[in-house]
Amino acid sequence: MGTRPKIKIEPNGFDKIIEAASWILMAGFVCFAIYAHYTLPDTIPTHFDASGKVDGHKASLLMLPIVALFTFLLLSIISRYPHYCNYPVEITEWNAEFQYRNGLRLLRIIKLIMIVIFGSLTVLIFCTAKGLITGMGIAPLLIITALPFIPIIYYVIKAIKGR
């Protein structure tokens, strides 16, 4: 890591939109989880197996927003110190601003994706508990698994090209 430049990266308009959307979705997710907790019966679907069958207790529903909020806040704190993050290329005076901006955007997008994933799981659990749907199915599972890797691959390629 050596001595990397410590520069403040001001977010541009797109970054501000991503950050604002993340905060709004996180607040909405927490509010929805609390609402769901108080309106659902004690036994609800919180675990989906490969065949789509469900089981669980409603208290475990609150774990999703707690884990999401903890991860969200941790990523928000980490994004204040881009010079401590790992990058796929060596950071120099000449590429620091580009690499930091690229890395910070990746963190913001990962935060947003994480909230969408956790929030979607909460909505799926709620809808299943209310009898609106019968299970999660394989498509959401594949999307949830693949979604975080798309921006990671994109931003690693972008970082390598922007050495």
N, C-alpha and C. Protein backbone atom coordinates (compact mmCIF):
# COMPACT_ATOMS: atom_id res chain seq x y z
N MET A 1 0.83 -1.19 0.00
CA MET A 1 0.00 0.00 0.00
C MET A 1 0.87 1.25 0.00
N GLY A 2 1.93 1.27 0.76
CA GLY A 2 2.84 2.41 0.73
C GLY A 2 2.19 3.69 1.19
N THR A 3 2.61 4.77 0.57
CA THR A 3 2.04 6.07 0.91
C THR A 3 1.16 6.53 -0.24
N ARG A 4 -0.08 6.24 -0.14
CA ARG A 4 -1.04 6.66 -1.16
C ARG A 4 -1.47 8.10 -0.91
N PRO A 5 -1.75 8.82 -1.98
CA PRO A 5 -2.24 10.18 -1.81
C PRO A 5 -3.57 10.19 -1.06
N LYS A 6 -3.70 11.09 -0.11
CA LYS A 6 -4.96 11.26 0.61
C LYS A 6 -5.65 12.48 0.04
N ILE A 7 -6.59 12.23 -0.86
CA ILE A 7 -7.31 13.33 -1.49
C ILE A 7 -8.80 13.16 -1.24
N LYS A 8 -9.48 14.26 -1.12
CA LYS A 8 -10.93 14.22 -0.91
C LYS A 8 -11.60 14.17 -2.28
N ILE A 9 -12.43 13.18 -2.46
CA ILE A 9 -13.16 13.02 -3.72
C ILE A 9 -14.59 13.49 -3.50
N GLU A 10 -14.95 14.57 -4.16
CA GLU A 10 -16.31 15.08 -4.08
C GLU A 10 -17.20 14.28 -5.02
N PRO A 11 -18.35 13.83 -4.53
CA PRO A 11 -19.24 13.07 -5.40
C PRO A 11 -19.84 13.97 -6.49
N ASN A 12 -19.98 13.40 -7.69
CA ASN A 12 -20.63 14.16 -8.76
C ASN A 12 -22.14 13.91 -8.68
N GLY A 13 -22.89 14.42 -9.63
CA GLY A 13 -24.34 14.31 -9.60
C GLY A 13 -24.85 12.88 -9.55
N PHE A 14 -24.26 12.00 -10.38
CA PHE A 14 -24.69 10.60 -10.41
C PHE A 14 -24.41 9.93 -9.07
N ASP A 15 -23.25 10.22 -8.48
CA ASP A 15 -22.91 9.65 -7.18
C ASP A 15 -23.89 10.11 -6.10
N LYS A 16 -24.27 11.37 -6.16
CA LYS A 16 -25.23 11.91 -5.18
C LYS A 16 -26.60 11.24 -5.33
N ILE A 17 -26.99 10.97 -6.57
CA ILE A 17 -28.27 10.29 -6.81
C ILE A 17 -28.22 8.87 -6.24
N ILE A 18 -27.14 8.15 -6.50
CA ILE A 18 -26.99 6.79 -5.97
C ILE A 18 -27.02 6.81 -4.45
N GLU A 19 -26.30 7.75 -3.86
CA GLU A 19 -26.23 7.84 -2.39
C GLU A 19 -27.60 8.19 -1.81
N ALA A 20 -28.29 9.15 -2.40
CA ALA A 20 -29.62 9.53 -1.91
C ALA A 20 -30.61 8.37 -2.06
N ALA A 21 -30.57 7.69 -3.20
CA ALA A 21 -31.45 6.54 -3.42
C ALA A 21 -31.18 5.45 -2.39
N SER A 22 -29.91 5.24 -2.07
CA SER A 22 -29.54 4.23 -1.07
C SER A 22 -30.11 4.57 0.30
N TRP A 23 -29.96 5.82 0.71
CA TRP A 23 -30.48 6.24 2.02
C TRP A 23 -32.00 6.14 2.06
N ILE A 24 -32.66 6.56 1.00
CA ILE A 24 -34.13 6.51 0.95
C ILE A 24 -34.61 5.06 0.97
N LEU A 25 -33.99 4.21 0.15
CA LEU A 25 -34.38 2.79 0.13
C LEU A 25 -34.09 2.11 1.46
N MET A 26 -32.96 2.46 2.09
CA MET A 26 -32.64 1.86 3.39
C MET A 26 -33.69 2.23 4.42
N ALA A 27 -34.08 3.50 4.45
CA ALA A 27 -35.11 3.95 5.40
C ALA A 27 -36.44 3.25 5.11
N GLY A 28 -36.80 3.17 3.84
CA GLY A 28 -38.04 2.49 3.45
C GLY A 28 -38.01 1.01 3.80
N PHE A 29 -36.87 0.39 3.60
CA PHE A 29 -36.70 -1.04 3.92
C PHE A 29 -36.88 -1.28 5.41
N VAL A 30 -36.26 -0.46 6.23
CA VAL A 30 -36.39 -0.62 7.69
C VAL A 30 -37.84 -0.40 8.10
N CYS A 31 -38.48 0.62 7.58
CA CYS A 31 -39.89 0.89 7.92
C CYS A 31 -40.79 -0.27 7.48
N PHE A 32 -40.56 -0.79 6.28
CA PHE A 32 -41.37 -1.91 5.79
C PHE A 32 -41.15 -3.15 6.65
N ALA A 33 -39.91 -3.42 7.05
CA ALA A 33 -39.62 -4.60 7.87
C ALA A 33 -40.32 -4.49 9.23
N ILE A 34 -40.32 -3.30 9.81
CA ILE A 34 -41.02 -3.09 11.09
C ILE A 34 -42.53 -3.29 10.90
N TYR A 35 -43.07 -2.71 9.83
CA TYR A 35 -44.49 -2.91 9.51
C TYR A 35 -44.80 -4.40 9.34
N ALA A 36 -43.98 -5.09 8.57
CA ALA A 36 -44.20 -6.52 8.31
C ALA A 36 -44.14 -7.31 9.61
N HIS A 37 -43.20 -6.97 10.47
CA HIS A 37 -43.06 -7.69 11.74
C HIS A 37 -44.33 -7.60 12.58
N TYR A 38 -44.95 -6.43 12.60
CA TYR A 38 -46.14 -6.25 13.43
C TYR A 38 -47.44 -6.69 12.77
N THR A 39 -47.42 -6.97 11.48
CA THR A 39 -48.67 -7.36 10.80
C THR A 39 -48.71 -8.83 10.40
N LEU A 40 -47.59 -9.54 10.55
CA LEU A 40 -47.56 -10.95 10.14
C LEU A 40 -47.80 -11.87 11.34
N PRO A 41 -48.27 -13.09 11.06
CA PRO A 41 -48.40 -14.07 12.14
C PRO A 41 -47.03 -14.49 12.68
N ASP A 42 -47.01 -15.21 13.82
CA ASP A 42 -45.74 -15.60 14.44
C ASP A 42 -44.90 -16.51 13.55
N THR A 43 -45.52 -17.44 12.85
CA THR A 43 -44.78 -18.34 11.96
C THR A 43 -44.89 -17.82 10.53
N ILE A 44 -43.75 -17.51 9.96
CA ILE A 44 -43.72 -16.97 8.60
C ILE A 44 -42.59 -17.64 7.82
N PRO A 45 -42.62 -17.52 6.50
CA PRO A 45 -41.53 -18.10 5.70
C PRO A 45 -40.29 -17.20 5.74
N THR A 46 -39.23 -17.67 6.34
CA THR A 46 -37.98 -16.90 6.34
C THR A 46 -36.84 -17.69 5.72
N HIS A 47 -37.08 -18.93 5.41
CA HIS A 47 -36.05 -19.76 4.78
C HIS A 47 -36.65 -20.42 3.55
N PHE A 48 -35.99 -20.24 2.43
CA PHE A 48 -36.42 -20.86 1.18
C PHE A 48 -35.41 -21.94 0.81
N ASP A 49 -35.86 -23.19 0.66
CA ASP A 49 -34.93 -24.22 0.19
C ASP A 49 -34.94 -24.25 -1.33
N ALA A 50 -34.15 -25.13 -1.91
CA ALA A 50 -34.01 -25.16 -3.37
C ALA A 50 -35.31 -25.48 -4.09
N SER A 51 -36.21 -26.19 -3.43
CA SER A 51 -37.48 -26.53 -4.07
C SER A 51 -38.53 -25.44 -3.89
N GLY A 52 -38.22 -24.39 -3.11
CA GLY A 52 -39.13 -23.28 -2.92
C GLY A 52 -39.98 -23.37 -1.66
N LYS A 53 -39.79 -24.43 -0.85
CA LYS A 53 -40.55 -24.55 0.40
C LYS A 53 -39.98 -23.59 1.44
N VAL A 54 -40.86 -23.14 2.35
CA VAL A 54 -40.47 -22.10 3.30
C VAL A 54 -40.79 -22.51 4.74
N ASP A 55 -40.07 -21.89 5.71
CA ASP A 55 -40.36 -22.05 7.13
C ASP A 55 -39.74 -20.89 7.90
N GLY A 56 -40.04 -20.74 9.19
CA GLY A 56 -39.40 -19.73 10.01
C GLY A 56 -40.31 -18.99 10.96
N HIS A 57 -39.73 -18.12 11.79
CA HIS A 57 -40.44 -17.30 12.77
C HIS A 57 -40.27 -15.83 12.40
N LYS A 58 -41.28 -15.02 12.71
CA LYS A 58 -41.26 -13.62 12.25
C LYS A 58 -40.16 -12.79 12.91
N ALA A 59 -39.65 -13.19 14.07
CA ALA A 59 -38.57 -12.44 14.70
C ALA A 59 -37.32 -12.45 13.83
N SER A 60 -37.13 -13.52 13.07
CA SER A 60 -35.95 -13.59 12.19
C SER A 60 -36.07 -12.63 11.02
N LEU A 61 -37.28 -12.15 10.73
CA LEU A 61 -37.48 -11.17 9.66
C LEU A 61 -36.72 -9.88 9.95
N LEU A 62 -36.60 -9.54 11.22
CA LEU A 62 -35.90 -8.31 11.61
C LEU A 62 -34.39 -8.41 11.43
N MET A 63 -33.87 -9.62 11.27
CA MET A 63 -32.44 -9.77 11.05
C MET A 63 -32.00 -9.20 9.70
N LEU A 64 -32.87 -9.28 8.70
CA LEU A 64 -32.51 -8.74 7.38
C LEU A 64 -32.21 -7.24 7.44
N PRO A 65 -33.09 -6.41 8.01
CA PRO A 65 -32.75 -4.98 8.05
C PRO A 65 -31.60 -4.68 9.00
N ILE A 66 -31.43 -5.47 10.06
CA ILE A 66 -30.31 -5.22 10.97
C ILE A 66 -28.98 -5.49 10.27
N VAL A 67 -28.88 -6.61 9.57
CA VAL A 67 -27.65 -6.93 8.83
C VAL A 67 -27.45 -5.92 7.70
N ALA A 68 -28.52 -5.57 7.00
CA ALA A 68 -28.41 -4.61 5.90
C ALA A 68 -27.97 -3.24 6.42
N LEU A 69 -28.56 -2.80 7.52
CA LEU A 69 -28.20 -1.49 8.08
C LEU A 69 -26.75 -1.47 8.56
N PHE A 70 -26.32 -2.53 9.22
CA PHE A 70 -24.93 -2.62 9.67
C PHE A 70 -23.97 -2.58 8.48
N THR A 71 -24.26 -3.36 7.46
CA THR A 71 -23.41 -3.38 6.26
C THR A 71 -23.44 -2.04 5.55
N PHE A 72 -24.60 -1.44 5.45
CA PHE A 72 -24.77 -0.14 4.82
C PHE A 72 -23.92 0.92 5.53
N LEU A 73 -24.02 0.96 6.85
CA LEU A 73 -23.25 1.95 7.61
C LEU A 73 -21.75 1.68 7.53
N LEU A 74 -21.36 0.41 7.56
CA LEU A 74 -19.94 0.05 7.44
C LEU A 74 -19.38 0.50 6.08
N LEU A 75 -20.12 0.24 5.00
CA LEU A 75 -19.66 0.68 3.67
C LEU A 75 -19.64 2.20 3.57
N SER A 76 -20.56 2.87 4.24
CA SER A 76 -20.57 4.33 4.25
C SER A 76 -19.33 4.88 4.95
N ILE A 77 -18.94 4.25 6.04
CA ILE A 77 -17.73 4.68 6.77
C ILE A 77 -16.49 4.38 5.94
N ILE A 78 -16.41 3.19 5.36
CA ILE A 78 -15.25 2.82 4.55
C ILE A 78 -15.07 3.79 3.37
N SER A 79 -16.18 4.25 2.81
CA SER A 79 -16.09 5.13 1.64
C SER A 79 -15.50 6.50 1.98
N ARG A 80 -15.35 6.81 3.24
CA ARG A 80 -14.70 8.07 3.63
C ARG A 80 -13.18 7.98 3.56
N TYR A 81 -12.65 6.78 3.42
CA TYR A 81 -11.21 6.56 3.43
C TYR A 81 -10.79 5.74 2.21
N PRO A 82 -10.93 6.29 1.00
CA PRO A 82 -10.60 5.51 -0.20
C PRO A 82 -9.13 5.12 -0.28
N HIS A 83 -8.25 5.86 0.37
CA HIS A 83 -6.82 5.55 0.30
C HIS A 83 -6.47 4.28 1.08
N TYR A 84 -7.37 3.77 1.92
CA TYR A 84 -7.13 2.52 2.64
C TYR A 84 -7.71 1.30 1.92
N CYS A 85 -8.51 1.51 0.89
CA CYS A 85 -9.15 0.40 0.17
C CYS A 85 -8.15 -0.32 -0.73
N ASN A 86 -8.51 -1.53 -1.11
CA ASN A 86 -7.70 -2.31 -2.04
C ASN A 86 -8.14 -2.00 -3.47
N TYR A 87 -7.16 -1.94 -4.36
CA TYR A 87 -7.42 -1.66 -5.76
C TYR A 87 -6.68 -2.68 -6.61
N PRO A 88 -7.18 -2.96 -7.81
CA PRO A 88 -6.51 -3.95 -8.66
C PRO A 88 -5.25 -3.40 -9.35
N VAL A 89 -4.96 -2.13 -9.14
CA VAL A 89 -3.77 -1.51 -9.73
C VAL A 89 -3.05 -0.72 -8.65
N GLU A 90 -1.80 -0.38 -8.93
CA GLU A 90 -1.04 0.45 -8.00
C GLU A 90 -1.58 1.88 -8.05
N ILE A 91 -1.73 2.48 -6.88
CA ILE A 91 -2.24 3.86 -6.80
C ILE A 91 -1.05 4.81 -6.78
N THR A 92 -1.09 5.77 -7.71
CA THR A 92 -0.03 6.78 -7.81
C THR A 92 -0.68 8.17 -7.73
N GLU A 93 0.17 9.19 -7.71
CA GLU A 93 -0.35 10.56 -7.73
C GLU A 93 -1.21 10.81 -8.96
N TRP A 94 -0.85 10.19 -10.08
CA TRP A 94 -1.49 10.48 -11.36
C TRP A 94 -2.82 9.74 -11.53
N ASN A 95 -2.95 8.57 -10.91
CA ASN A 95 -4.20 7.83 -11.11
C ASN A 95 -5.09 7.80 -9.86
N ALA A 96 -4.65 8.41 -8.77
CA ALA A 96 -5.37 8.32 -7.50
C ALA A 96 -6.80 8.84 -7.60
N GLU A 97 -6.98 10.00 -8.18
CA GLU A 97 -8.34 10.55 -8.25
C GLU A 97 -9.26 9.64 -9.05
N PHE A 98 -8.80 9.16 -10.20
CA PHE A 98 -9.62 8.26 -11.02
C PHE A 98 -9.94 6.97 -10.27
N GLN A 99 -8.91 6.36 -9.68
CA GLN A 99 -9.11 5.08 -8.99
C GLN A 99 -9.99 5.24 -7.74
N TYR A 100 -9.79 6.29 -6.98
CA TYR A 100 -10.62 6.53 -5.80
C TYR A 100 -12.07 6.76 -6.20
N ARG A 101 -12.27 7.58 -7.22
CA ARG A 101 -13.64 7.86 -7.69
C ARG A 101 -14.29 6.58 -8.19
N ASN A 102 -13.55 5.79 -8.92
CA ASN A 102 -14.05 4.52 -9.44
C ASN A 102 -14.40 3.58 -8.27
N GLY A 103 -13.52 3.48 -7.30
CA GLY A 103 -13.75 2.61 -6.14
C GLY A 103 -14.93 3.08 -5.30
N LEU A 104 -15.04 4.40 -5.10
CA LEU A 104 -16.15 4.93 -4.32
C LEU A 104 -17.48 4.71 -5.02
N ARG A 105 -17.49 4.84 -6.33
CA ARG A 105 -18.74 4.57 -7.06
C ARG A 105 -19.11 3.10 -6.93
N LEU A 106 -18.13 2.22 -6.99
CA LEU A 106 -18.42 0.80 -6.80
C LEU A 106 -19.02 0.55 -5.42
N LEU A 107 -18.46 1.15 -4.38
CA LEU A 107 -19.02 0.99 -3.03
C LEU A 107 -20.46 1.49 -2.97
N ARG A 108 -20.73 2.62 -3.59
CA ARG A 108 -22.09 3.17 -3.59
C ARG A 108 -23.06 2.23 -4.30
N ILE A 109 -22.63 1.70 -5.43
CA ILE A 109 -23.51 0.81 -6.19
C ILE A 109 -23.71 -0.51 -5.44
N ILE A 110 -22.67 -1.01 -4.79
CA ILE A 110 -22.81 -2.24 -3.99
C ILE A 110 -23.78 -1.99 -2.84
N LYS A 111 -23.70 -0.82 -2.21
CA LYS A 111 -24.66 -0.49 -1.14
C LYS A 111 -26.09 -0.53 -1.67
N LEU A 112 -26.29 0.10 -2.81
CA LEU A 112 -27.62 0.14 -3.41
C LEU A 112 -28.12 -1.27 -3.75
N ILE A 113 -27.26 -2.07 -4.36
CA ILE A 113 -27.63 -3.44 -4.72
C ILE A 113 -27.94 -4.25 -3.47
N MET A 114 -27.13 -4.09 -2.44
CA MET A 114 -27.35 -4.83 -1.20
C MET A 114 -28.71 -4.49 -0.60
N ILE A 115 -29.08 -3.21 -0.61
CA ILE A 115 -30.38 -2.82 -0.09
C ILE A 115 -31.50 -3.41 -0.93
N VAL A 116 -31.34 -3.37 -2.25
CA VAL A 116 -32.36 -3.93 -3.14
C VAL A 116 -32.51 -5.43 -2.88
N ILE A 117 -31.41 -6.14 -2.71
CA ILE A 117 -31.47 -7.58 -2.46
C ILE A 117 -32.15 -7.87 -1.12
N PHE A 118 -31.69 -7.25 -0.06
CA PHE A 118 -32.28 -7.50 1.26
C PHE A 118 -33.74 -7.05 1.30
N GLY A 119 -34.03 -5.91 0.69
CA GLY A 119 -35.41 -5.44 0.64
C GLY A 119 -36.30 -6.37 -0.16
N SER A 120 -35.80 -6.86 -1.28
CA SER A 120 -36.57 -7.79 -2.11
C SER A 120 -36.85 -9.09 -1.35
N LEU A 121 -35.86 -9.57 -0.63
CA LEU A 121 -36.08 -10.78 0.18
C LEU A 121 -37.17 -10.54 1.23
N THR A 122 -37.15 -9.38 1.85
CA THR A 122 -38.16 -9.05 2.85
C THR A 122 -39.54 -8.99 2.21
N VAL A 123 -39.65 -8.39 1.05
CA VAL A 123 -40.94 -8.31 0.35
C VAL A 123 -41.40 -9.71 -0.06
N LEU A 124 -40.48 -10.54 -0.55
CA LEU A 124 -40.84 -11.93 -0.91
C LEU A 124 -41.34 -12.70 0.31
N ILE A 125 -40.67 -12.55 1.42
CA ILE A 125 -41.10 -13.23 2.65
C ILE A 125 -42.48 -12.72 3.07
N PHE A 126 -42.67 -11.41 3.03
CA PHE A 126 -43.96 -10.81 3.40
C PHE A 126 -45.07 -11.34 2.49
N CYS A 127 -44.84 -11.30 1.18
CA CYS A 127 -45.86 -11.75 0.22
C CYS A 127 -46.17 -13.23 0.39
N THR A 128 -45.17 -14.03 0.67
CA THR A 128 -45.39 -15.46 0.91
C THR A 128 -46.18 -15.68 2.19
N ALA A 129 -45.84 -14.93 3.24
CA ALA A 129 -46.55 -15.06 4.52
C ALA A 129 -48.01 -14.63 4.38
N LYS A 130 -48.27 -13.65 3.55
CA LYS A 130 -49.64 -13.18 3.33
C LYS A 130 -50.41 -14.05 2.34
N GLY A 131 -49.72 -15.02 1.71
CA GLY A 131 -50.36 -15.91 0.76
C GLY A 131 -50.50 -15.31 -0.63
N LEU A 132 -49.79 -14.23 -0.90
CA LEU A 132 -49.87 -13.60 -2.21
C LEU A 132 -49.06 -14.36 -3.26
N ILE A 133 -48.00 -15.02 -2.82
CA ILE A 133 -47.20 -15.88 -3.69
C ILE A 133 -46.92 -17.18 -2.94
N THR A 134 -46.50 -18.23 -3.65
CA THR A 134 -46.29 -19.53 -3.00
C THR A 134 -44.84 -19.85 -2.70
N GLY A 135 -43.91 -19.09 -3.20
CA GLY A 135 -42.50 -19.33 -2.94
C GLY A 135 -41.64 -18.44 -3.80
N MET A 136 -40.34 -18.50 -3.57
CA MET A 136 -39.44 -17.60 -4.26
C MET A 136 -39.13 -18.06 -5.68
N GLY A 137 -38.92 -19.32 -5.90
CA GLY A 137 -38.55 -19.81 -7.22
C GLY A 137 -37.07 -19.64 -7.48
N ILE A 138 -36.61 -20.12 -8.60
CA ILE A 138 -35.18 -20.15 -8.90
C ILE A 138 -34.69 -18.83 -9.52
N ALA A 139 -35.53 -18.13 -10.27
CA ALA A 139 -35.09 -16.90 -10.96
C ALA A 139 -34.61 -15.83 -9.98
N PRO A 140 -35.38 -15.49 -8.94
CA PRO A 140 -34.87 -14.49 -8.00
C PRO A 140 -33.57 -14.92 -7.32
N LEU A 141 -33.45 -16.21 -7.04
CA LEU A 141 -32.23 -16.72 -6.42
C LEU A 141 -31.02 -16.49 -7.33
N LEU A 142 -31.17 -16.76 -8.61
CA LEU A 142 -30.09 -16.55 -9.57
C LEU A 142 -29.75 -15.06 -9.71
N ILE A 143 -30.78 -14.23 -9.76
CA ILE A 143 -30.56 -12.78 -9.87
C ILE A 143 -29.84 -12.25 -8.64
N ILE A 144 -30.32 -12.66 -7.46
CA ILE A 144 -29.71 -12.21 -6.20
C ILE A 144 -28.26 -12.64 -6.11
N THR A 145 -27.96 -13.82 -6.60
CA THR A 145 -26.59 -14.33 -6.55
C THR A 145 -25.69 -13.61 -7.55
N ALA A 146 -26.18 -13.33 -8.74
CA ALA A 146 -25.36 -12.75 -9.80
C ALA A 146 -25.25 -11.23 -9.73
N LEU A 147 -26.27 -10.57 -9.22
CA LEU A 147 -26.34 -9.11 -9.27
C LEU A 147 -25.12 -8.38 -8.70
N PRO A 148 -24.59 -8.77 -7.55
CA PRO A 148 -23.43 -8.04 -7.03
C PRO A 148 -22.17 -8.16 -7.89
N PHE A 149 -22.05 -9.23 -8.65
CA PHE A 149 -20.84 -9.45 -9.43
C PHE A 149 -20.76 -8.58 -10.68
N ILE A 150 -21.89 -8.14 -11.18
CA ILE A 150 -21.91 -7.34 -12.41
C ILE A 150 -21.14 -6.03 -12.23
N PRO A 151 -21.45 -5.20 -11.22
CA PRO A 151 -20.67 -3.97 -11.07
C PRO A 151 -19.23 -4.22 -10.65
N ILE A 152 -18.99 -5.27 -9.90
CA ILE A 152 -17.61 -5.57 -9.48
C ILE A 152 -16.75 -5.85 -10.71
N ILE A 153 -17.22 -6.70 -11.60
CA ILE A 153 -16.47 -7.02 -12.81
C ILE A 153 -16.28 -5.76 -13.66
N TYR A 154 -17.35 -4.97 -13.82
CA TYR A 154 -17.27 -3.75 -14.62
C TYR A 154 -16.22 -2.79 -14.05
N TYR A 155 -16.24 -2.56 -12.76
CA TYR A 155 -15.34 -1.58 -12.16
C TYR A 155 -13.91 -2.08 -12.05
N VAL A 156 -13.70 -3.38 -11.95
CA VAL A 156 -12.33 -3.90 -11.97
C VAL A 156 -11.74 -3.70 -13.37
N ILE A 157 -12.52 -3.99 -14.39
CA ILE A 157 -12.06 -3.77 -15.78
C ILE A 157 -11.78 -2.29 -15.99
N LYS A 158 -12.67 -1.43 -15.52
CA LYS A 158 -12.48 0.02 -15.66
C LYS A 158 -11.23 0.48 -14.92
N ALA A 159 -10.97 -0.07 -13.73
CA ALA A 159 -9.78 0.31 -12.95
C ALA A 159 -8.51 -0.10 -13.68
N ILE A 160 -8.51 -1.29 -14.26
CA ILE A 160 -7.31 -1.77 -14.97
C ILE A 160 -7.06 -0.93 -16.22
N LYS A 161 -8.12 -0.58 -16.92
CA LYS A 161 -7.97 0.26 -18.12
C LYS A 161 -7.51 1.67 -17.78
N GLY A 162 -7.87 2.16 -16.60
CA GLY A 162 -7.54 3.52 -16.20
C GLY A 162 -6.28 3.64 -15.37
N ARG A 163 -5.39 2.67 -15.48
CA ARG A 163 -4.15 2.70 -14.71
C ARG A 163 -3.52 4.04 -14.80
